[in-house]
């Protein structure tokens, strides 16, 4: 009789352990899906940042919002460095 109780106790423990392993496996699957979705969102945001900070977009915004323009050759001046600049 004692062997039967011991066997049932071990069987219940093994069953509980397997059930918790199945739940953990489901959680891991859900977390992997979330990670994939977040990585895709991160890639999209990085692409959006690269586009927003591109020279073309920033130049257009500087022209429209600040009234700036690309300098012509005659508008450029090279200033010499002073003696203590280096």
PDB file of N, CA and C in Angstrom:
ATOM      1  N   UNK A   1       0.818  -1.189   0.000  1.00  0.00           N
ATOM      2  CA  UNK A   1       0.000   0.000   0.000  1.00  0.00           C
ATOM      3  C   UNK A   1       0.867   1.261   0.000  1.00  0.00           C
ATOM      4  N   UNK A   2       1.945   1.242   0.781  1.00  0.00           N
ATOM      5  CA  UNK A   2       2.854   2.383   0.837  1.00  0.00           C
ATOM      6  C   UNK A   2       3.478   2.649  -0.528  1.00  0.00           C
ATOM      7  N   UNK A   3       3.809   1.581  -1.250  1.00  0.00           N
ATOM      8  CA  UNK A   3       4.397   1.726  -2.584  1.00  0.00           C
ATOM      9  C   UNK A   3       3.417   2.408  -3.536  1.00  0.00           C
ATOM     10  N   UNK A   4       2.169   2.094  -3.397  1.00  0.00           N
ATOM     11  CA  UNK A   4       1.154   2.688  -4.269  1.00  0.00           C
ATOM     12  C   UNK A   4       1.033   4.189  -4.002  1.00  0.00           C
ATOM     13  N   UNK A   5       1.020   4.579  -2.753  1.00  0.00           N
ATOM     14  CA  UNK A   5       0.947   6.002  -2.397  1.00  0.00           C
ATOM     15  C   UNK A   5       2.199   6.727  -2.881  1.00  0.00           C
ATOM     16  N   UNK A   6       3.347   6.115  -2.685  1.00  0.00           N
ATOM     17  CA  UNK A   6       4.591   6.712  -3.151  1.00  0.00           C
ATOM     18  C   UNK A   6       4.598   6.867  -4.673  1.00  0.00           C
ATOM     19  N   UNK A   7       4.144   5.830  -5.383  1.00  0.00           N
ATOM     20  CA  UNK A   7       4.075   5.883  -6.844  1.00  0.00           C
ATOM     21  C   UNK A   7       3.126   6.979  -7.306  1.00  0.00           C
ATOM     22  N   UNK A   8       1.957   7.095  -6.675  1.00  0.00           N
ATOM     23  CA  UNK A   8       0.998   8.135  -7.050  1.00  0.00           C
ATOM     24  C   UNK A   8       1.561   9.534  -6.766  1.00  0.00           C
ATOM     25  N   UNK A   9       2.275   9.683  -5.676  1.00  0.00           N
ATOM     26  CA  UNK A   9       2.892  10.970  -5.356  1.00  0.00           C
ATOM     27  C   UNK A   9       3.921  11.377  -6.399  1.00  0.00           C
ATOM     28  N   UNK A  10       4.765  10.423  -6.798  1.00  0.00           N
ATOM     29  CA  UNK A  10       5.762  10.700  -7.831  1.00  0.00           C
ATOM     30  C   UNK A  10       5.079  10.999  -9.160  1.00  0.00           C
ATOM     31  N   UNK A  11       4.032  10.271  -9.502  1.00  0.00           N
ATOM     32  CA  UNK A  11       3.313  10.492 -10.760  1.00  0.00           C
ATOM     33  C   UNK A  11       2.678  11.884 -10.787  1.00  0.00           C
ATOM     34  N   UNK A  12       2.104  12.296  -9.670  1.00  0.00           N
ATOM     35  CA  UNK A  12       1.504  13.635  -9.598  1.00  0.00           C
ATOM     36  C   UNK A  12       2.594  14.706  -9.741  1.00  0.00           C
ATOM     37  N   UNK A  13       3.727  14.502  -9.112  1.00  0.00           N
ATOM     38  CA  UNK A  13       4.823  15.476  -9.215  1.00  0.00           C
ATOM     39  C   UNK A  13       5.335  15.581 -10.647  1.00  0.00           C
ATOM     40  N   UNK A  14       5.493  14.455 -11.316  1.00  0.00           N
ATOM     41  CA  UNK A  14       5.962  14.457 -12.702  1.00  0.00           C
ATOM     42  C   UNK A  14       4.941  15.146 -13.600  1.00  0.00           C
ATOM     43  N   UNK A  15       3.663  14.865 -13.378  1.00  0.00           N
ATOM     44  CA  UNK A  15       2.603  15.470 -14.186  1.00  0.00           C
ATOM     45  C   UNK A  15       2.582  16.989 -13.980  1.00  0.00           C
ATOM     46  N   UNK A  16       2.729  17.447 -12.746  1.00  0.00           N
ATOM     47  CA  UNK A  16       2.736  18.887 -12.459  1.00  0.00           C
ATOM     48  C   UNK A  16       3.942  19.552 -13.108  1.00  0.00           C
ATOM     49  N   UNK A  17       5.067  18.892 -13.051  1.00  0.00           N
ATOM     50  CA  UNK A  17       6.278  19.442 -13.664  1.00  0.00           C
ATOM     51  C   UNK A  17       6.125  19.554 -15.174  1.00  0.00           C
ATOM     52  N   UNK A  18       5.545  18.553 -15.812  1.00  0.00           N
ATOM     53  CA  UNK A  18       5.340  18.598 -17.262  1.00  0.00           C
ATOM     54  C   UNK A  18       4.339  19.687 -17.638  1.00  0.00           C
ATOM     55  N   UNK A  19       3.306  19.852 -16.829  1.00  0.00           N
ATOM     56  CA  UNK A  19       2.311  20.896 -17.104  1.00  0.00           C
ATOM     57  C   UNK A  19       2.951  22.277 -17.018  1.00  0.00           C
ATOM     58  N   UNK A  20       3.805  22.479 -16.027  1.00  0.00           N
ATOM     59  CA  UNK A  20       4.466  23.783 -15.915  1.00  0.00           C
ATOM     60  C   UNK A  20       5.445  23.997 -17.069  1.00  0.00           C
ATOM     61  N   UNK A  21       6.076  22.919 -17.538  1.00  0.00           N
ATOM     62  CA  UNK A  21       6.983  23.038 -18.685  1.00  0.00           C
ATOM     63  C   UNK A  21       6.225  23.429 -19.941  1.00  0.00           C
ATOM     64  N   UNK A  22       5.024  22.891 -20.111  1.00  0.00           N
ATOM     65  CA  UNK A  22       4.206  23.257 -21.274  1.00  0.00           C
ATOM     66  C   UNK A  22       3.821  24.730 -21.201  1.00  0.00           C
ATOM     67  N   UNK A  23       3.447  25.205 -20.022  1.00  0.00           N
ATOM     68  CA  UNK A  23       3.098  26.621 -19.863  1.00  0.00           C
ATOM     69  C   UNK A  23       4.302  27.516 -20.156  1.00  0.00           C
ATOM     70  N   UNK A  24       5.462  27.119 -19.676  1.00  0.00           N
ATOM     71  CA  UNK A  24       6.672  27.908 -19.946  1.00  0.00           C
ATOM     72  C   UNK A  24       7.004  27.922 -21.432  1.00  0.00           C
ATOM     73  N   UNK A  25       6.800  26.807 -22.105  1.00  0.00           N
ATOM     74  CA  UNK A  25       7.061  26.752 -23.541  1.00  0.00           C
ATOM     75  C   UNK A  25       6.114  27.685 -24.294  1.00  0.00           C
ATOM     76  N   UNK A  26       4.868  27.765 -23.860  1.00  0.00           N
ATOM     77  CA  UNK A  26       3.916  28.686 -24.487  1.00  0.00           C
ATOM     78  C   UNK A  26       4.343  30.130 -24.260  1.00  0.00           C
ATOM     79  N   UNK A  27       4.783  30.437 -23.040  1.00  0.00           N
ATOM     80  CA  UNK A  27       5.250  31.789 -22.749  1.00  0.00           C
ATOM     81  C   UNK A  27       6.476  32.145 -23.587  1.00  0.00           C
ATOM     82  N   UNK A  28       7.383  31.212 -23.739  1.00  0.00           N
ATOM     83  CA  UNK A  28       8.580  31.454 -24.556  1.00  0.00           C
ATOM     84  C   UNK A  28       8.178  31.729 -25.999  1.00  0.00           C
ATOM     85  N   UNK A  29       7.214  30.974 -26.522  1.00  0.00           N
ATOM     86  CA  UNK A  29       6.736  31.203 -27.886  1.00  0.00           C
ATOM     87  C   UNK A  29       6.138  32.586 -28.049  1.00  0.00           C
ATOM     88  N   UNK A  30       5.326  33.006 -27.078  1.00  0.00           N
ATOM     89  CA  UNK A  30       4.727  34.334 -27.148  1.00  0.00           C
ATOM     90  C   UNK A  30       5.794  35.428 -27.063  1.00  0.00           C
ATOM     91  N   UNK A  31       6.779  35.233 -26.189  1.00  0.00           N
ATOM     92  CA  UNK A  31       7.851  36.223 -26.073  1.00  0.00           C
ATOM     93  C   UNK A  31       8.688  36.312 -27.344  1.00  0.00           C
ATOM     94  N   UNK A  32       8.900  35.191 -27.996  1.00  0.00           N
ATOM     95  CA  UNK A  32       9.646  35.220 -29.265  1.00  0.00           C
ATOM     96  C   UNK A  32       8.875  35.984 -30.323  1.00  0.00           C
ATOM     97  N   UNK A  33       7.539  35.786 -30.361  1.00  0.00           N
ATOM     98  CA  UNK A  33       6.718  36.529 -31.320  1.00  0.00           C
ATOM     99  C   UNK A  33       6.777  38.026 -31.030  1.00  0.00           C
ATOM    100  N   UNK A  34       6.697  38.386 -29.736  1.00  0.00           N
ATOM    101  CA  UNK A  34       6.791  39.799 -29.371  1.00  0.00           C
ATOM    102  C   UNK A  34       8.143  40.373 -29.753  1.00  0.00           C
ATOM    103  N   UNK A  35       9.198  39.598 -29.542  1.00  0.00           N
ATOM    104  CA  UNK A  35      10.537  40.068 -29.887  1.00  0.00           C
ATOM    105  C   UNK A  35      10.656  40.311 -31.386  1.00  0.00           C
ATOM    106  N   UNK A  36      10.122  39.391 -32.186  1.00  0.00           N
ATOM    107  CA  UNK A  36      10.157  39.555 -33.634  1.00  0.00           C
ATOM    108  C   UNK A  36       9.406  40.815 -34.055  1.00  0.00           C
ATOM    109  N   UNK A  37       8.230  41.032 -33.450  1.00  0.00           N
ATOM    110  CA  UNK A  37       7.442  42.223 -33.782  1.00  0.00           C
ATOM    111  C   UNK A  37       8.190  43.496 -33.380  1.00  0.00           C
ATOM    112  N   UNK A  38       8.814  43.469 -32.212  1.00  0.00           N
ATOM    113  CA  UNK A  38       9.550  44.650 -31.756  1.00  0.00           C
ATOM    114  C   UNK A  38      10.781  44.920 -32.610  1.00  0.00           C
ATOM    115  N   UNK A  39      11.462  43.869 -33.048  1.00  0.00           N
ATOM    116  CA  UNK A  39      12.621  44.052 -33.929  1.00  0.00           C
ATOM    117  C   UNK A  39      12.188  44.642 -35.264  1.00  0.00           C
ATOM    118  N   UNK A  40      11.036  44.202 -35.773  1.00  0.00           N
ATOM    119  CA  UNK A  40      10.529  44.768 -37.023  1.00  0.00           C
ATOM    120  C   UNK A  40      10.170  46.235 -36.837  1.00  0.00           C
ATOM    121  N   UNK A  41       9.556  46.560 -35.704  1.00  0.00           N
ATOM    122  CA  UNK A  41       9.214  47.948 -35.423  1.00  0.00           C
ATOM    123  C   UNK A  41      10.469  48.805 -35.275  1.00  0.00           C
ATOM    124  N   UNK A  42      11.486  48.252 -34.629  1.00  0.00           N
ATOM    125  CA  UNK A  42      12.754  48.971 -34.465  1.00  0.00           C
ATOM    126  C   UNK A  42      13.387  49.247 -35.823  1.00  0.00           C
ATOM    127  N   UNK A  43      13.380  48.260 -36.706  1.00  0.00           N
ATOM    128  CA  UNK A  43      13.946  48.451 -38.039  1.00  0.00           C
ATOM    129  C   UNK A  43      13.186  49.534 -38.797  1.00  0.00           C
ATOM    130  N   UNK A  44      11.857  49.531 -38.670  1.00  0.00           N
ATOM    131  CA  UNK A  44      11.052  50.552 -39.349  1.00  0.00           C
ATOM    132  C   UNK A  44      11.360  51.940 -38.790  1.00  0.00           C
ATOM    133  N   UNK A  45      11.505  52.042 -37.471  1.00  0.00           N
ATOM    134  CA  UNK A  45      11.816  53.341 -36.869  1.00  0.00           C
ATOM    135  C   UNK A  45      13.215  53.821 -37.241  1.00  0.00           C
ATOM    136  N   UNK A  46      14.175  52.914 -37.300  1.00  0.00           N
ATOM    137  CA  UNK A  46      15.524  53.304 -37.715  1.00  0.00           C
ATOM    138  C   UNK A  46      15.526  53.782 -39.160  1.00  0.00           C
ATOM    139  N   UNK A  47      14.759  53.114 -40.013  1.00  0.00           N
ATOM    140  CA  UNK A  47      14.647  53.534 -41.408  1.00  0.00           C
ATOM    141  C   UNK A  47      14.013  54.921 -41.484  1.00  0.00           C
ATOM    142  N   UNK A  48      12.997  55.150 -40.661  1.00  0.00           N
ATOM    143  CA  UNK A  48      12.332  56.453 -40.639  1.00  0.00           C
ATOM    144  C   UNK A  48      13.287  57.547 -40.153  1.00  0.00           C
ATOM    145  N   UNK A  49      14.101  57.230 -39.164  1.00  0.00           N
ATOM    146  CA  UNK A  49      15.081  58.195 -38.660  1.00  0.00           C
ATOM    147  C   UNK A  49      16.117  58.522 -39.734  1.00  0.00           C
ATOM    148  N   UNK A  50      16.599  57.469 -40.425  1.00  0.00           N
ATOM    149  CA  UNK A  50      17.582  57.710 -41.499  1.00  0.00           C
ATOM    150  C   UNK A  50      16.998  58.609 -42.578  1.00  0.00           C
ATOM    151  N   UNK A  51      15.745  58.375 -42.942  1.00  0.00           N
ATOM    152  CA  UNK A  51      15.124  59.218 -43.963  1.00  0.00           C
ATOM    153  C   UNK A  51      14.933  60.647 -43.469  1.00  0.00           C
ATOM    154  N   UNK A  52      14.498  60.797 -42.214  1.00  0.00           N
ATOM    155  CA  UNK A  52      14.227  62.126 -41.675  1.00  0.00           C
ATOM    156  C   UNK A  52      15.507  62.929 -41.492  1.00  0.00           C
ATOM    157  N   UNK A  53      16.635  62.260 -41.281  1.00  0.00           N
ATOM    158  CA  UNK A  53      17.886  62.983 -41.067  1.00  0.00           C
ATOM    159  C   UNK A  53      18.765  63.008 -42.309  1.00  0.00           C
ATOM    160  N   UNK A  54      18.213  62.617 -43.430  1.00  0.00           N
ATOM    161  CA  UNK A  54      19.005  62.641 -44.654  1.00  0.00           C
ATOM    162  C   UNK A  54      19.260  64.086 -45.078  1.00  0.00           C
ATOM    163  N   UNK A  55      20.310  64.266 -45.823  1.00  0.00           N
ATOM    164  CA  UNK A  55      20.705  65.607 -46.260  1.00  0.00           C
ATOM    165  C   UNK A  55      19.603  66.256 -47.101  1.00  0.00           C
ATOM    166  N   UNK A  56      18.937  65.467 -47.918  1.00  0.00           N
ATOM    167  CA  UNK A  56      17.895  66.003 -48.792  1.00  0.00           C
ATOM    168  C   UNK A  56      16.722  66.542 -47.968  1.00  0.00           C
ATOM    169  N   UNK A  57      16.242  65.747 -47.019  1.00  0.00           N
ATOM    170  CA  UNK A  57      15.089  66.160 -46.213  1.00  0.00           C
ATOM    171  C   UNK A  57      15.449  67.344 -45.325  1.00  0.00           C
ATOM    172  N   UNK A  58      16.630  67.286 -44.685  1.00  0.00           N
ATOM    173  CA  UNK A  58      17.029  68.402 -43.830  1.00  0.00           C
ATOM    174  C   UNK A  58      17.236  69.682 -44.631  1.00  0.00           C
ATOM    175  N   UNK A  59      17.772  69.543 -45.845  1.00  0.00           N
ATOM    176  CA  UNK A  59      17.945  70.716 -46.697  1.00  0.00           C
ATOM    177  C   UNK A  59      16.617  71.338 -47.080  1.00  0.00           C
ATOM    178  N   UNK A  60      15.653  70.509 -47.410  1.00  0.00           N
ATOM    179  CA  UNK A  60      14.327  71.017 -47.764  1.00  0.00           C
ATOM    180  C   UNK A  60      13.661  71.693 -46.571  1.00  0.00           C
ATOM    181  N   UNK A  61      13.812  71.111 -45.389  1.00  0.00           N
ATOM    182  CA  UNK A  61      13.219  71.715 -44.197  1.00  0.00           C
ATOM    183  C   UNK A  61      13.916  73.030 -43.857  1.00  0.00           C
ATOM    184  N   UNK A  62      15.235  73.091 -44.029  1.00  0.00           N
ATOM    185  CA  UNK A  62      15.963  74.330 -43.750  1.00  0.00           C
ATOM    186  C   UNK A  62      15.523  75.428 -44.703  1.00  0.00           C
ATOM    187  N   UNK A  63      15.275  75.067 -45.957  1.00  0.00           N
ATOM    188  CA  UNK A  63      14.816  76.060 -46.927  1.00  0.00           C
ATOM    189  C   UNK A  63      13.403  76.530 -46.614  1.00  0.00           C
ATOM    190  N   UNK A  64      12.508  75.586 -46.335  1.00  0.00           N
ATOM    191  CA  UNK A  64      11.106  75.965 -46.147  1.00  0.00           C
ATOM    192  C   UNK A  64      10.846  76.600 -44.781  1.00  0.00           C
ATOM    193  N   UNK A  65      11.429  76.081 -43.724  1.00  0.00           N
ATOM    194  CA  UNK A  65      11.110  76.563 -42.384  1.00  0.00           C
ATOM    195  C   UNK A  65      12.020  77.707 -41.930  1.00  0.00           C
ATOM    196  N   UNK A  66      13.272  77.690 -42.351  1.00  0.00           N
ATOM    197  CA  UNK A  66      14.217  78.695 -41.876  1.00  0.00           C
ATOM    198  C   UNK A  66      14.630  79.698 -42.945  1.00  0.00           C
ATOM    199  N   UNK A  67      14.237  79.456 -44.175  1.00  0.00           N
ATOM    200  CA  UNK A  67      14.595  80.380 -45.247  1.00  0.00           C
ATOM    201  C   UNK A  67      16.055  80.285 -45.653  1.00  0.00           C
ATOM    202  N   UNK A  68      16.718  79.184 -45.351  1.00  0.00           N
ATOM    203  CA  UNK A  68      18.122  79.011 -45.720  1.00  0.00           C
ATOM    204  C   UNK A  68      18.219  78.441 -47.135  1.00  0.00           C
ATOM    205  N   UNK A  69      19.407  78.521 -47.718  1.00  0.00           N
ATOM    206  CA  UNK A  69      19.620  77.961 -49.050  1.00  0.00           C
ATOM    207  C   UNK A  69      21.045  77.412 -49.144  1.00  0.00           C
ATOM    208  N   UNK A  70      21.287  76.610 -50.174  1.00  0.00           N
ATOM    209  CA  UNK A  70      22.632  76.103 -50.416  1.00  0.00           C
ATOM    210  C   UNK A  70      23.467  77.264 -50.953  1.00  0.00           C
ATOM    211  N   UNK A  71      24.661  77.476 -50.419  1.00  0.00           N
ATOM    212  CA  UNK A  71      25.469  78.609 -50.870  1.00  0.00           C
ATOM    213  C   UNK A  71      26.029  78.368 -52.274  1.00  0.00           C
ATOM    214  N   UNK A  72      26.092  79.442 -53.024  1.00  0.00           N
ATOM    215  CA  UNK A  72      26.734  79.387 -54.336  1.00  0.00           C
ATOM    216  C   UNK A  72      28.242  79.511 -54.116  1.00  0.00           C
ATOM    217  N   UNK A  73      29.038  79.282 -55.151  1.00  0.00           N
ATOM    218  CA  UNK A  73      30.493  79.332 -55.024  1.00  0.00           C
ATOM    219  C   UNK A  73      30.984  80.698 -54.550  1.00  0.00           C
ATOM    220  N   UNK A  74      30.324  81.741 -54.980  1.00  0.00           N
ATOM    221  CA  UNK A  74      30.736  83.086 -54.598  1.00  0.00           C
ATOM    222  C   UNK A  74      30.397  83.415 -53.150  1.00  0.00           C
ATOM    223  N   UNK A  75      29.543  82.636 -52.538  1.00  0.00           N
ATOM    224  CA  UNK A  75      29.135  82.926 -51.163  1.00  0.00           C
ATOM    225  C   UNK A  75      30.008  82.225 -50.120  1.00  0.00           C
ATOM    226  N   UNK A  76      30.886  81.369 -50.554  1.00  0.00           N
ATOM    227  CA  UNK A  76      31.737  80.646 -49.617  1.00  0.00           C
ATOM    228  C   UNK A  76      32.990  81.429 -49.297  1.00  0.00           C
ATOM    229  N   UNK A  77      33.367  81.445 -48.033  1.00  0.00           N
ATOM    230  CA  UNK A  77      34.607  82.068 -47.619  1.00  0.00           C
ATOM    231  C   UNK A  77      35.318  81.104 -46.683  1.00  0.00           C
ATOM    232  N   UNK A  78      36.608  80.877 -46.972  1.00  0.00           N
ATOM    233  CA  UNK A  78      37.414  80.036 -46.104  1.00  0.00           C
ATOM    234  C   UNK A  78      38.120  80.935 -45.127  1.00  0.00           C
ATOM    235  N   UNK A  79      37.896  80.717 -43.865  1.00  0.00           N
ATOM    236  CA  UNK A  79      38.501  81.563 -42.830  1.00  0.00           C
ATOM    237  C   UNK A  79      39.755  80.863 -42.310  1.00  0.00           C
ATOM    238  N   UNK A  80      40.865  81.586 -42.212  1.00  0.00           N
ATOM    239  CA  UNK A  80      42.092  80.966 -41.690  1.00  0.00           C
ATOM    240  C   UNK A  80      41.967  80.763 -40.184  1.00  0.00           C
ATOM    241  N   UNK A  81      42.632  79.716 -39.725  1.00  0.00           N
ATOM    242  CA  UNK A  81      42.672  79.438 -38.293  1.00  0.00           C
ATOM    243  C   UNK A  81      43.654  80.378 -37.620  1.00  0.00           C
ATOM    244  N   UNK A  82      43.339  80.775 -36.410  1.00  0.00           N
ATOM    245  CA  UNK A  82      44.237  81.637 -35.660  1.00  0.00           C
ATOM    246  C   UNK A  82      45.436  80.858 -35.150  1.00  0.00           C
ATOM    247  N   UNK A  83      46.420  81.524 -34.575  1.00  0.00           N
ATOM    248  CA  UNK A  83      47.646  80.833 -34.131  1.00  0.00           C
ATOM    249  C   UNK A  83      47.400  79.822 -33.016  1.00  0.00           C
ATOM    250  N   UNK A  84      46.429  80.033 -32.149  1.00  0.00           N
ATOM    251  CA  UNK A  84      46.188  79.102 -31.047  1.00  0.00           C
ATOM    252  C   UNK A  84      45.066  78.116 -31.331  1.00  0.00           C
ATOM    253  N   UNK A  85      44.653  77.993 -32.586  1.00  0.00           N
ATOM    254  CA  UNK A  85      43.515  77.134 -32.916  1.00  0.00           C
ATOM    255  C   UNK A  85      43.854  75.651 -32.883  1.00  0.00           C
ATOM    256  N   UNK A  86      45.105  75.287 -33.079  1.00  0.00           N
ATOM    257  CA  UNK A  86      45.467  73.878 -33.084  1.00  0.00           C
ATOM    258  C   UNK A  86      46.091  73.545 -31.829  1.00  0.00           C
TER     259      UNK A  86
END
